[in-house]
Amino acid sequence: MEKLSPIIEERKKKAETIRSMGVDLFPAGYNYDITASEAIKRFGNMDAEALERESHSFSIAGRIIAIRNFGKASFIHIKDGGERIQAYLRKDKIGDKQFQVFRHMDIGDFIGIKGSFFRTRTGELTLFADDMTLLSKSMRPLPEKWHGLSDIETRYRQRYLDLIVNDHVQKVFVLRSRIIQSIRNFFTREGFLEVETPMMQPIPGGATAKPFRTFHNALGMDFFLRVAPELYLKRLVIGGMERVFELNRNFRNEGISIQHNPEFTMLEFYMAYATYEELMVLTEELFNHVLQEIFGRNIIEYQQETIDFTPPWTRISLFDSLRETACVNDEKVFTDRKAAAEFAESKDITPDEKDSLGKILTKIFDQVVEPKLIKPTFITGYPTEISPLSRRNDKNPYITDRFELFIAGKEIANAFTELNDPDDQRDRLMEQVALRESGDDEAQFMDEDFLTALEYGLPPTAGEGIGIDRVIMLFTDSTSIRDVIFFPHMRKK
């Protein structure tokens, strides 16, 4: 702060000088009729002679990001949105007072300029100012190297600076918005209804995750920020809304990493009378729809890897993936907890003494197999004991009708044929309660209201959750989830 103080003080002096000239430092509104991107699109290919024949005057507004002074004239670059354009101000053109005001302006100030377009000797499209208006005075300087703010802490803590100075960051978030809109378009086209379910829930459910707790004064009761909308969306299917989806914010009180943020966006959807196999096909269609609509292709480059999304994608069971990639040759590993624990330790994985056989197998998978799943791969056949809301497989009750989707070494989606037997669901939740009572704070709660709803009848249904932030990471070639969330959570300085 000490280093900035003299600069800020100087800017305040300039602001007072401008104010003493009778100029409002923060006027209300400005009528502009063209943006930088529109100007480039309209005039970018015109030569100097063609521009001279254009008799129209245009006004543009934006932030000053560069100034070059030449005595009684100046060139500046203005940025509006994600584009930038040059403007030329000359004292004899805009008048002495306006030019004096301009000379007390700084990089970072907002300016409105009216004039006509021409090309400089170097061929750059430029707006020749007839009139200039100060729109907002910036009291703090942009980062010294405004053209390349690279400090990660500053970028994430002060995202507004990151957006100002790093053009590619704005493009990432514009793409994020377009991708989410494309997802909405897909589900609307497929006959799904977009819905909203509570973010504050009296009982958190739908995922094995530690929740955040809060308190509602008027009701005098505890609430939890939702870890997933699953149990409420199933209630809607029970009520007759057979195809629903929600683009939702979830909250999980877990660690922070390049793949995890406590608050994140997820797509969750439910389809009555469908199975998890049908959701595999629907998921392939969804990804290819978005890729074609946004990029016009179904192949992306992610961290020097070429990933082809052309269906069908690889389908392999959890156990087979452990056999093939983790080199599990002893079948006892799949049936005996001690053998599984010994194998895990041989891979430098230390199971918790409370971990079940299924939990140990998934830990081996997470550490050894998952990082190697680069192309889109559906992993199926998860153990029932770690899938408390999934329907048991008819042929093998030890596993469930479930898949997880992995791309570029990341879990992207989780889906299953829903468990709609209320007695089986009660037994599974009782097992979760026992785990919670033994110290597992990620185990699920008993939800009697959900069980009551289930007793009214849930049709055969399949549901899926897709991590939107991770999808955006893939499609924008971003290595950290913080790069695709406007305001990621950070530790206090």
Protein backbone atom coordinates (compact mmCIF):
# COMPACT_ATOMS: atom_id res chain seq x y z
CA MET A 1 0.00 0.00 0.00
CA GLU A 2 2.89 2.34 0.77
CA LYS A 3 4.23 2.08 -2.78
CA LEU A 4 0.86 2.93 -4.28
CA SER A 5 0.12 5.88 -2.02
CA PRO A 6 2.16 8.53 -3.94
CA ILE A 7 0.61 7.39 -7.23
CA ILE A 8 -2.88 7.46 -5.80
CA GLU A 9 -2.19 10.89 -4.29
CA GLU A 10 -1.07 12.16 -7.70
CA ARG A 11 -4.24 10.83 -9.30
CA LYS A 12 -6.37 12.54 -6.68
CA LYS A 13 -4.61 15.84 -7.43
CA LYS A 14 -5.38 15.39 -11.12
CA ALA A 15 -8.98 14.65 -10.24
CA GLU A 16 -9.23 17.87 -8.21
CA THR A 17 -7.72 19.85 -11.08
CA ILE A 18 -10.31 18.43 -13.48
CA ARG A 19 -13.09 19.14 -11.00
CA SER A 20 -11.86 22.74 -10.63
CA MET A 21 -12.34 23.12 -14.40
CA GLY A 22 -16.06 22.47 -13.89
CA VAL A 23 -15.95 18.90 -15.18
CA ASP A 24 -17.93 16.10 -13.49
CA LEU A 25 -15.58 13.25 -12.64
CA PHE A 26 -18.39 10.70 -12.61
CA PRO A 27 -21.17 11.78 -14.99
CA ALA A 28 -24.33 9.70 -15.43
CA GLY A 29 -24.44 7.68 -18.63
CA TYR A 30 -23.12 8.25 -22.13
CA ASN A 31 -24.81 7.72 -25.48
CA TYR A 32 -22.45 5.74 -27.73
CA ASP A 33 -23.51 4.28 -31.04
CA ILE A 34 -20.75 1.79 -31.87
CA THR A 35 -18.50 -0.60 -29.96
CA ALA A 36 -14.90 -1.45 -30.72
CA SER A 37 -15.83 -4.89 -32.02
CA GLU A 38 -18.58 -3.43 -34.23
CA ALA A 39 -16.19 -0.80 -35.59
CA ILE A 40 -13.56 -3.41 -36.40
CA LYS A 41 -16.14 -5.63 -38.07
CA ARG A 42 -17.60 -2.76 -40.09
CA PHE A 43 -14.45 -0.82 -41.03
CA GLY A 44 -11.63 -3.29 -40.42
CA ASN A 45 -11.25 -4.22 -44.09
CA MET A 46 -11.72 -0.71 -45.53
CA ASP A 47 -8.69 1.06 -46.92
CA ALA A 48 -7.83 4.71 -46.17
CA GLU A 49 -9.64 6.09 -49.21
CA ALA A 50 -12.84 4.19 -48.46
CA LEU A 51 -12.79 5.44 -44.87
CA GLU A 52 -12.40 9.04 -46.07
CA ARG A 53 -15.62 8.67 -48.04
CA GLU A 54 -17.46 7.70 -44.87
CA SER A 55 -19.14 10.91 -43.74
CA HIS A 56 -20.75 9.49 -40.59
CA SER A 57 -19.59 10.48 -37.13
CA PHE A 58 -19.51 7.81 -34.42
CA SER A 59 -19.23 7.83 -30.66
CA ILE A 60 -17.49 5.14 -28.66
CA ALA A 61 -16.88 4.58 -24.94
CA GLY A 62 -14.35 2.53 -23.00
CA ARG A 63 -11.38 2.35 -20.66
CA ILE A 64 -8.06 3.96 -21.62
CA ILE A 65 -5.39 1.26 -21.63
CA ALA A 66 -2.56 3.13 -23.39
CA ILE A 67 -1.55 6.77 -23.96
CA ARG A 68 1.13 8.20 -26.28
CA ASN A 69 1.52 11.97 -26.07
CA PHE A 70 3.01 14.08 -28.89
CA GLY A 71 2.88 17.71 -27.82
CA LYS A 72 -0.52 18.98 -28.93
CA ALA A 73 -1.78 15.56 -29.97
CA SER A 74 -2.16 12.12 -28.41
CA PHE A 75 -2.90 8.58 -29.45
CA ILE A 76 -4.79 6.37 -27.00
CA HIS A 77 -6.11 2.83 -27.00
CA ILE A 78 -9.60 2.24 -25.63
CA LYS A 79 -10.93 -1.12 -24.46
CA ASP A 80 -14.65 -1.86 -24.31
CA GLY A 81 -15.73 -5.39 -23.49
CA GLY A 82 -13.06 -7.66 -24.90
CA GLU A 83 -11.92 -5.49 -27.82
CA ARG A 84 -9.66 -2.47 -28.13
CA ILE A 85 -9.38 0.32 -30.68
CA GLN A 86 -7.18 3.37 -31.22
CA ALA A 87 -8.29 7.00 -31.00
CA TYR A 88 -6.49 10.21 -31.97
CA LEU A 89 -7.00 13.45 -30.01
CA ARG A 90 -5.66 16.79 -31.26
CA LYS A 91 -5.85 20.07 -29.36
CA ASP A 92 -7.00 22.17 -32.32
CA LYS A 93 -9.78 19.66 -33.03
CA ILE A 94 -11.34 19.09 -29.60
CA GLY A 95 -10.54 22.50 -28.14
CA ASP A 96 -8.22 23.77 -25.45
CA LYS A 97 -10.41 22.94 -22.42
CA GLN A 98 -11.14 19.37 -23.45
CA PHE A 99 -7.49 18.81 -24.28
CA GLN A 100 -6.43 20.13 -20.88
CA VAL A 101 -8.91 17.79 -19.23
CA PHE A 102 -7.53 14.92 -21.26
CA ARG A 103 -3.95 15.75 -20.22
CA HIS A 104 -5.01 15.21 -16.60
CA MET A 105 -6.48 11.82 -17.41
CA ASP A 106 -4.69 8.52 -16.79
CA ILE A 107 -4.56 4.95 -18.01
CA GLY A 108 -7.55 3.27 -16.43
CA ASP A 109 -9.93 6.22 -16.83
CA PHE A 110 -13.14 5.78 -18.82
CA ILE A 111 -13.58 8.09 -21.80
CA GLY A 112 -16.20 8.81 -24.43
CA ILE A 113 -15.07 9.95 -27.87
CA LYS A 114 -17.02 11.14 -30.90
CA GLY A 115 -15.45 11.43 -34.34
CA SER A 116 -14.80 9.73 -37.69
CA PHE A 117 -12.63 6.75 -38.57
CA PHE A 118 -9.42 6.90 -40.59
CA ARG A 119 -6.23 4.94 -41.06
CA THR A 120 -2.89 6.09 -39.71
CA ARG A 121 0.34 5.91 -41.71
CA THR A 122 0.92 2.49 -40.17
CA GLY A 123 -2.51 1.38 -41.35
CA GLU A 124 -4.20 1.17 -37.93
CA LEU A 125 -7.94 1.84 -37.78
CA THR A 126 -8.35 4.95 -35.61
CA LEU A 127 -11.15 7.23 -34.43
CA PHE A 128 -10.28 10.93 -35.00
CA ALA A 129 -11.88 12.76 -32.05
CA ASP A 130 -14.14 15.77 -32.57
CA ASP A 131 -15.35 15.61 -28.98
CA MET A 132 -14.13 14.00 -25.76
CA THR A 133 -15.88 13.31 -22.43
CA LEU A 134 -14.44 12.02 -19.17
CA LEU A 135 -16.79 9.25 -18.02
CA SER A 136 -15.10 7.99 -14.85
CA LYS A 137 -11.82 8.83 -13.09
CA SER A 138 -9.71 5.89 -11.98
CA MET A 139 -8.09 6.62 -8.61
CA ARG A 140 -5.83 3.57 -8.66
CA PRO A 141 -3.33 2.60 -11.35
CA LEU A 142 -3.64 -0.63 -13.27
CA PRO A 143 -0.88 -3.18 -12.59
CA GLU A 144 2.48 -1.90 -13.78
CA LYS A 145 2.62 -4.53 -16.51
CA TRP A 146 -1.04 -4.08 -17.38
CA HIS A 147 -0.62 -6.06 -20.58
CA GLY A 148 0.35 -9.24 -18.74
CA LEU A 149 -0.83 -9.53 -15.13
CA SER A 150 0.54 -12.94 -14.20
CA ASP A 151 0.58 -13.16 -10.39
CA ILE A 152 -1.88 -15.94 -9.61
CA GLU A 153 -2.89 -14.57 -6.20
CA THR A 154 -3.68 -11.13 -7.63
CA ARG A 155 -5.54 -12.60 -10.61
CA TYR A 156 -7.88 -14.65 -8.42
CA ARG A 157 -8.30 -12.16 -5.55
CA GLN A 158 -8.84 -9.18 -7.84
CA ARG A 159 -10.57 -10.75 -10.81
CA TYR A 160 -11.64 -7.33 -12.06
CA LEU A 161 -7.96 -6.51 -12.71
CA ASP A 162 -7.48 -9.88 -14.39
CA LEU A 163 -10.42 -9.13 -16.71
CA ILE A 164 -9.10 -5.65 -17.51
CA VAL A 165 -5.57 -6.63 -18.42
CA ASN A 166 -5.74 -10.22 -19.69
CA ASP A 167 -7.85 -10.44 -22.83
CA HIS A 168 -7.89 -14.25 -22.84
CA VAL A 169 -9.58 -14.30 -19.41
CA GLN A 170 -12.63 -12.46 -20.72
CA LYS A 171 -12.78 -14.91 -23.61
CA VAL A 172 -12.83 -17.86 -21.20
CA PHE A 173 -15.83 -16.47 -19.34
CA VAL A 174 -17.66 -15.50 -22.52
CA LEU A 175 -17.17 -19.11 -23.66
CA ARG A 176 -18.44 -20.32 -20.28
CA SER A 177 -21.67 -18.40 -20.74
CA ARG A 178 -22.13 -19.67 -24.30
CA ILE A 179 -21.47 -23.29 -23.28
CA ILE A 180 -24.03 -23.13 -20.47
CA GLN A 181 -26.58 -21.62 -22.84
CA SER A 182 -25.88 -24.41 -25.34
CA ILE A 183 -26.50 -27.00 -22.60
CA ARG A 184 -29.83 -25.36 -21.84
CA ASN A 185 -30.72 -25.41 -25.52
CA PHE A 186 -29.96 -29.14 -25.73
CA PHE A 187 -32.13 -30.14 -22.79
CA THR A 188 -34.99 -27.90 -23.86
CA ARG A 189 -34.84 -29.51 -27.29
CA GLU A 190 -34.97 -32.96 -25.65
CA GLY A 191 -38.16 -32.09 -23.78
CA PHE A 192 -36.66 -31.42 -20.34
CA LEU A 193 -38.05 -28.72 -18.04
CA GLU A 194 -35.59 -26.46 -16.23
CA VAL A 195 -36.45 -26.25 -12.52
CA GLU A 196 -35.10 -24.78 -9.29
CA THR A 197 -34.79 -26.60 -5.97
CA PRO A 198 -33.80 -25.31 -2.51
CA MET A 199 -30.23 -24.28 -1.79
CA MET A 200 -30.95 -24.35 1.95
CA GLN A 201 -32.09 -27.80 3.00
CA PRO A 202 -33.10 -29.12 6.44
CA ILE A 203 -31.39 -32.41 5.56
CA PRO A 204 -28.50 -32.47 3.08
CA GLY A 205 -28.58 -35.39 0.68
CA GLY A 206 -27.76 -36.63 -2.78
CA ALA A 207 -23.98 -36.89 -2.37
CA THR A 208 -21.36 -38.18 0.03
CA ALA A 209 -19.90 -34.84 1.08
CA LYS A 210 -19.48 -32.74 4.20
CA PRO A 211 -22.06 -29.91 4.16
CA PHE A 212 -21.96 -26.31 5.32
CA ARG A 213 -24.36 -25.54 8.19
CA THR A 214 -26.34 -22.35 8.79
CA PHE A 215 -29.24 -21.25 11.02
CA HIS A 216 -32.57 -19.65 10.16
CA ASN A 217 -33.68 -17.27 12.92
CA ALA A 218 -37.38 -16.98 12.10
CA LEU A 219 -37.87 -20.75 11.84
CA GLY A 220 -35.49 -21.43 14.69
CA MET A 221 -33.83 -24.35 12.95
CA ASP A 222 -30.61 -25.47 11.33
CA PHE A 223 -30.27 -25.62 7.58
CA PHE A 224 -27.54 -26.96 5.33
CA LEU A 225 -26.31 -25.54 2.05
CA ARG A 226 -27.08 -28.22 -0.48
CA VAL A 227 -24.41 -30.69 -1.52
CA ALA A 228 -26.64 -31.82 -4.40
CA PRO A 229 -30.22 -31.24 -5.61
CA GLU A 230 -30.80 -34.95 -6.25
CA LEU A 231 -33.42 -35.84 -3.66
CA TYR A 232 -35.56 -32.81 -4.51
CA LEU A 233 -35.37 -33.49 -8.25
CA LYS A 234 -36.48 -37.07 -7.61
CA ARG A 235 -39.44 -35.72 -5.65
CA LEU A 236 -40.42 -33.81 -8.80
CA VAL A 237 -40.26 -36.99 -10.89
CA ILE A 238 -42.44 -38.71 -8.27
CA GLY A 239 -44.86 -35.79 -8.71
CA GLY A 240 -45.13 -36.47 -12.45
CA MET A 241 -42.49 -34.14 -13.91
CA GLU A 242 -40.81 -36.83 -15.95
CA ARG A 243 -37.90 -34.92 -17.49
CA VAL A 244 -36.28 -32.21 -15.37
CA PHE A 245 -32.89 -30.52 -15.20
CA GLU A 246 -31.26 -27.94 -13.00
CA LEU A 247 -28.10 -25.91 -13.49
CA ASN A 248 -27.35 -25.53 -9.83
CA ARG A 249 -24.87 -24.18 -7.31
CA ASN A 250 -23.65 -26.77 -4.81
CA PHE A 251 -21.60 -26.31 -1.64
CA ARG A 252 -19.27 -28.89 -0.16
CA ASN A 253 -17.12 -28.30 2.90
CA GLU A 254 -14.08 -30.05 1.49
CA GLY A 255 -10.51 -29.32 0.45
CA ILE A 256 -9.53 -26.85 -2.24
CA SER A 257 -7.46 -27.97 -5.23
CA ILE A 258 -7.09 -27.29 -8.94
CA GLN A 259 -10.22 -29.45 -9.38
CA HIS A 260 -12.21 -28.48 -6.28
CA ASN A 261 -13.85 -25.27 -5.08
CA PRO A 262 -16.23 -25.24 -2.07
CA GLU A 263 -18.91 -23.61 -4.25
CA PHE A 264 -19.34 -25.01 -7.74
CA THR A 265 -21.80 -25.38 -10.61
CA MET A 266 -23.34 -28.68 -11.58
CA LEU A 267 -25.88 -29.83 -14.14
CA GLU A 268 -28.24 -32.47 -12.78
CA PHE A 269 -31.03 -34.07 -14.80
CA TYR A 270 -33.54 -36.90 -14.43
CA MET A 271 -35.32 -38.91 -17.09
CA ALA A 272 -38.26 -41.17 -16.21
CA TYR A 273 -38.41 -44.65 -17.79
CA ALA A 274 -34.73 -44.49 -18.78
CA THR A 275 -31.70 -46.50 -17.65
CA TYR A 276 -28.10 -45.53 -17.09
CA GLU A 277 -27.20 -47.06 -20.48
CA GLU A 278 -29.53 -44.58 -22.20
CA LEU A 279 -27.87 -41.72 -20.31
CA MET A 280 -24.51 -42.74 -21.75
CA VAL A 281 -25.88 -42.15 -25.24
CA LEU A 282 -27.56 -38.91 -24.16
CA THR A 283 -24.30 -37.70 -22.61
CA GLU A 284 -22.41 -38.38 -25.84
CA GLU A 285 -25.07 -36.43 -27.74
CA LEU A 286 -24.92 -33.54 -25.25
CA PHE A 287 -21.15 -33.09 -25.51
CA ASN A 288 -21.14 -33.31 -29.29
CA HIS A 289 -24.05 -30.85 -29.52
CA VAL A 290 -22.15 -28.28 -27.43
CA LEU A 291 -18.88 -28.79 -29.29
CA GLN A 292 -20.50 -28.42 -32.69
CA GLU A 293 -22.59 -25.41 -31.65
CA ILE A 294 -19.70 -23.54 -30.00
CA PHE A 295 -16.61 -24.68 -31.93
CA GLY A 296 -17.95 -26.37 -35.05
CA ARG A 297 -16.00 -29.57 -34.35
CA ASN A 298 -15.95 -32.52 -31.93
CA ILE A 299 -12.18 -32.62 -31.33
CA ILE A 300 -10.41 -30.43 -28.78
CA GLU A 301 -6.84 -29.86 -27.65
CA TYR A 302 -6.39 -30.03 -23.90
CA GLN A 303 -2.91 -29.62 -22.39
CA GLN A 304 -1.19 -30.97 -25.52
CA GLU A 305 -3.62 -33.91 -25.70
CA THR A 306 -5.97 -34.32 -28.67
CA ILE A 307 -9.34 -35.53 -27.42
CA ASP A 308 -11.90 -36.87 -29.89
CA PHE A 309 -15.53 -36.88 -28.70
CA THR A 310 -16.89 -38.88 -31.63
CA PRO A 311 -19.32 -41.54 -30.27
CA PRO A 312 -19.32 -44.23 -29.12
CA TRP A 313 -17.02 -43.63 -26.16
CA THR A 314 -15.13 -46.35 -24.31
CA ARG A 315 -17.16 -48.34 -21.78
CA ILE A 316 -15.36 -50.46 -19.18
CA SER A 317 -16.23 -51.77 -15.72
CA LEU A 318 -14.44 -50.55 -12.61
CA PHE A 319 -13.04 -54.03 -11.96
CA ASP A 320 -11.80 -54.48 -15.54
CA SER A 321 -10.12 -51.05 -15.44
CA LEU A 322 -8.29 -52.16 -12.28
CA ARG A 323 -7.23 -55.37 -13.98
CA GLU A 324 -6.00 -53.62 -17.12
CA THR A 325 -4.46 -50.41 -15.76
CA ALA A 326 -3.67 -51.12 -12.11
CA CYS A 327 -2.52 -54.68 -12.95
CA VAL A 328 -4.73 -56.41 -10.38
CA ASN A 329 -4.11 -60.08 -11.15
CA ASP A 330 -5.33 -61.63 -7.91
CA GLU A 331 -9.14 -61.91 -7.94
CA LYS A 332 -9.12 -61.98 -4.12
CA VAL A 333 -8.49 -58.22 -4.29
CA PHE A 334 -12.09 -57.80 -5.49
CA THR A 335 -13.65 -59.95 -2.78
CA ASP A 336 -11.38 -59.78 0.29
CA ARG A 337 -10.79 -56.54 2.18
CA LYS A 338 -7.39 -57.61 3.52
CA ALA A 339 -6.13 -58.51 0.05
CA ALA A 340 -7.43 -55.20 -1.32
CA ALA A 341 -5.73 -53.25 1.48
CA GLU A 342 -2.42 -55.03 0.87
CA PHE A 343 -2.62 -54.30 -2.85
CA ALA A 344 -3.41 -50.63 -2.12
CA GLU A 345 -0.36 -50.38 0.14
CA SER A 346 1.80 -51.86 -2.65
CA LYS A 347 0.72 -48.81 -4.71
CA ASP A 348 1.62 -46.38 -1.88
CA ILE A 349 -2.04 -45.94 -0.97
CA THR A 350 -2.83 -46.17 2.74
CA PRO A 351 -6.45 -47.16 3.41
CA ASP A 352 -8.24 -45.98 6.52
CA GLU A 353 -9.00 -48.79 8.95
CA LYS A 354 -12.72 -47.97 8.58
CA ASP A 355 -12.66 -48.16 4.77
CA SER A 356 -14.85 -50.86 3.30
CA LEU A 357 -13.70 -53.12 0.47
CA GLY A 358 -15.51 -50.97 -2.09
CA LYS A 359 -13.97 -47.80 -0.68
CA ILE A 360 -10.47 -49.28 -0.93
CA LEU A 361 -11.04 -50.37 -4.53
CA THR A 362 -12.21 -46.89 -5.52
CA LYS A 363 -9.16 -45.34 -3.82
CA ILE A 364 -6.93 -47.59 -5.93
CA PHE A 365 -8.91 -46.56 -8.99
CA ASP A 366 -8.68 -42.85 -8.12
CA GLN A 367 -4.91 -42.94 -7.67
CA VAL A 368 -3.83 -45.36 -10.38
CA VAL A 369 -6.46 -45.53 -13.12
CA GLU A 370 -8.22 -42.15 -13.20
CA PRO A 371 -5.18 -40.03 -14.21
CA LYS A 372 -4.69 -42.26 -17.28
CA LEU A 373 -8.24 -41.91 -18.63
CA ILE A 374 -7.65 -39.22 -21.26
CA LYS A 375 -10.22 -39.97 -23.94
CA PRO A 376 -13.91 -39.96 -22.86
CA THR A 377 -14.45 -43.16 -20.87
CA PHE A 378 -17.49 -44.50 -19.02
CA ILE A 379 -16.53 -46.54 -15.94
CA THR A 380 -19.39 -48.82 -14.87
CA GLY A 381 -20.18 -51.37 -12.15
CA TYR A 382 -19.45 -49.47 -8.93
CA PRO A 383 -19.84 -51.41 -5.66
CA THR A 384 -23.25 -51.08 -4.02
CA GLU A 385 -21.73 -50.13 -0.65
CA ILE A 386 -20.38 -46.84 -2.09
CA SER A 387 -23.48 -46.11 -4.20
CA PRO A 388 -26.27 -45.57 -1.65
CA LEU A 389 -28.77 -44.06 -4.12
CA SER A 390 -28.14 -46.36 -7.10
CA ARG A 391 -30.19 -49.38 -8.20
CA ARG A 392 -28.59 -52.77 -7.67
CA ASN A 393 -27.61 -54.68 -10.80
CA ASP A 394 -30.04 -57.51 -11.52
CA LYS A 395 -27.29 -60.05 -12.27
CA ASN A 396 -24.80 -59.00 -9.59
CA PRO A 397 -26.27 -57.30 -6.49
CA TYR A 398 -22.77 -56.41 -5.26
CA ILE A 399 -22.57 -53.70 -7.95
CA THR A 400 -24.98 -51.02 -9.14
CA ASP A 401 -26.26 -49.77 -12.48
CA ARG A 402 -24.01 -46.75 -12.42
CA PHE A 403 -21.33 -45.02 -14.43
CA GLU A 404 -18.85 -42.22 -13.97
CA LEU A 405 -17.47 -40.32 -16.96
CA PHE A 406 -13.76 -39.48 -17.06
CA ILE A 407 -12.03 -37.19 -19.55
CA ALA A 408 -8.43 -35.91 -19.44
CA GLY A 409 -7.84 -37.65 -16.13
CA LYS A 410 -10.80 -35.92 -14.44
CA GLU A 411 -14.16 -37.15 -13.21
CA ILE A 412 -16.72 -35.21 -15.24
CA ALA A 413 -20.05 -36.93 -14.54
CA ASN A 414 -21.77 -39.42 -12.25
CA ALA A 415 -24.98 -41.22 -13.25
CA PHE A 416 -27.09 -44.21 -12.37
CA THR A 417 -30.39 -45.94 -12.69
CA GLU A 418 -32.18 -44.63 -9.62
CA LEU A 419 -33.00 -46.79 -6.64
CA ASN A 420 -36.81 -46.67 -6.41
CA ASP A 421 -37.41 -49.47 -3.89
CA PRO A 422 -38.20 -47.58 -0.64
CA ASP A 423 -37.27 -50.51 1.62
CA ASP A 424 -33.90 -50.99 -0.05
CA GLN A 425 -33.33 -47.21 0.07
CA ARG A 426 -34.08 -47.14 3.80
CA ASP A 427 -31.60 -49.95 4.44
CA ARG A 428 -28.91 -48.14 2.42
CA LEU A 429 -29.48 -44.86 4.26
CA MET A 430 -29.33 -46.70 7.58
CA GLU A 431 -25.88 -47.94 6.54
CA GLN A 432 -24.93 -44.32 5.80
CA VAL A 433 -26.20 -43.25 9.23
CA ALA A 434 -24.02 -45.94 10.83
CA LEU A 435 -21.00 -44.65 8.91
CA ARG A 436 -21.76 -41.10 10.04
CA GLU A 437 -22.08 -42.20 13.66
CA SER A 438 -18.71 -43.96 13.38
CA GLY A 439 -17.06 -40.67 12.35
CA ASP A 440 -17.52 -40.39 8.57
CA ASP A 441 -18.70 -36.77 8.23
CA GLU A 442 -19.23 -37.24 4.48
CA ALA A 443 -21.78 -40.04 4.91
CA GLN A 444 -25.39 -39.21 4.09
CA PHE A 445 -28.22 -38.39 6.49
CA MET A 446 -31.52 -40.20 6.95
CA ASP A 447 -34.25 -38.31 5.10
CA GLU A 448 -37.66 -39.57 6.19
CA ASP A 449 -39.56 -37.15 3.96
CA PHE A 450 -37.72 -38.42 0.89
CA LEU A 451 -38.48 -42.02 1.89
CA THR A 452 -42.15 -41.08 2.32
CA ALA A 453 -42.14 -39.56 -1.17
CA LEU A 454 -40.49 -42.71 -2.53
CA GLU A 455 -43.27 -44.82 -1.03
CA TYR A 456 -45.75 -43.01 -3.29
CA GLY A 457 -43.83 -44.47 -6.23
CA LEU A 458 -40.88 -43.33 -8.32
CA PRO A 459 -41.10 -44.63 -11.89
CA PRO A 460 -38.04 -46.36 -13.37
CA THR A 461 -35.71 -43.37 -13.69
CA ALA A 462 -32.13 -42.53 -14.55
CA GLY A 463 -30.32 -39.42 -13.34
CA GLU A 464 -26.97 -37.76 -13.90
CA GLY A 465 -24.81 -34.97 -12.52
CA ILE A 466 -22.17 -33.24 -14.65
CA GLY A 467 -19.55 -30.90 -13.21
CA ILE A 468 -19.96 -27.76 -15.30
CA ASP A 469 -16.76 -26.10 -14.07
CA ARG A 470 -14.72 -29.11 -15.17
CA VAL A 471 -16.44 -29.14 -18.55
CA ILE A 472 -15.51 -25.48 -18.97
CA MET A 473 -11.92 -26.32 -18.00
CA LEU A 474 -11.82 -28.93 -20.77
CA PHE A 475 -13.34 -26.74 -23.45
CA THR A 476 -11.15 -23.71 -22.62
CA ASP A 477 -7.90 -25.63 -22.04
CA SER A 478 -7.72 -24.42 -18.43
CA THR A 479 -5.65 -26.32 -15.86
CA SER A 480 -7.31 -25.02 -12.69
CA ILE A 481 -10.95 -24.71 -11.67
CA ARG A 482 -10.08 -21.23 -10.39
CA ASP A 483 -9.46 -20.15 -13.98
CA VAL A 484 -13.12 -20.76 -14.89
CA ILE A 485 -14.82 -19.38 -11.75
CA PHE A 486 -15.08 -15.60 -11.57
CA PHE A 487 -14.47 -15.37 -7.84
CA PRO A 488 -12.88 -18.55 -6.44
CA HIS A 489 -12.60 -18.91 -2.69
CA MET A 490 -9.19 -17.97 -1.27
CA ARG A 491 -7.54 -18.03 2.13
CA LYS A 492 -7.29 -14.71 3.94
CA LYS A 493 -4.03 -12.91 3.27
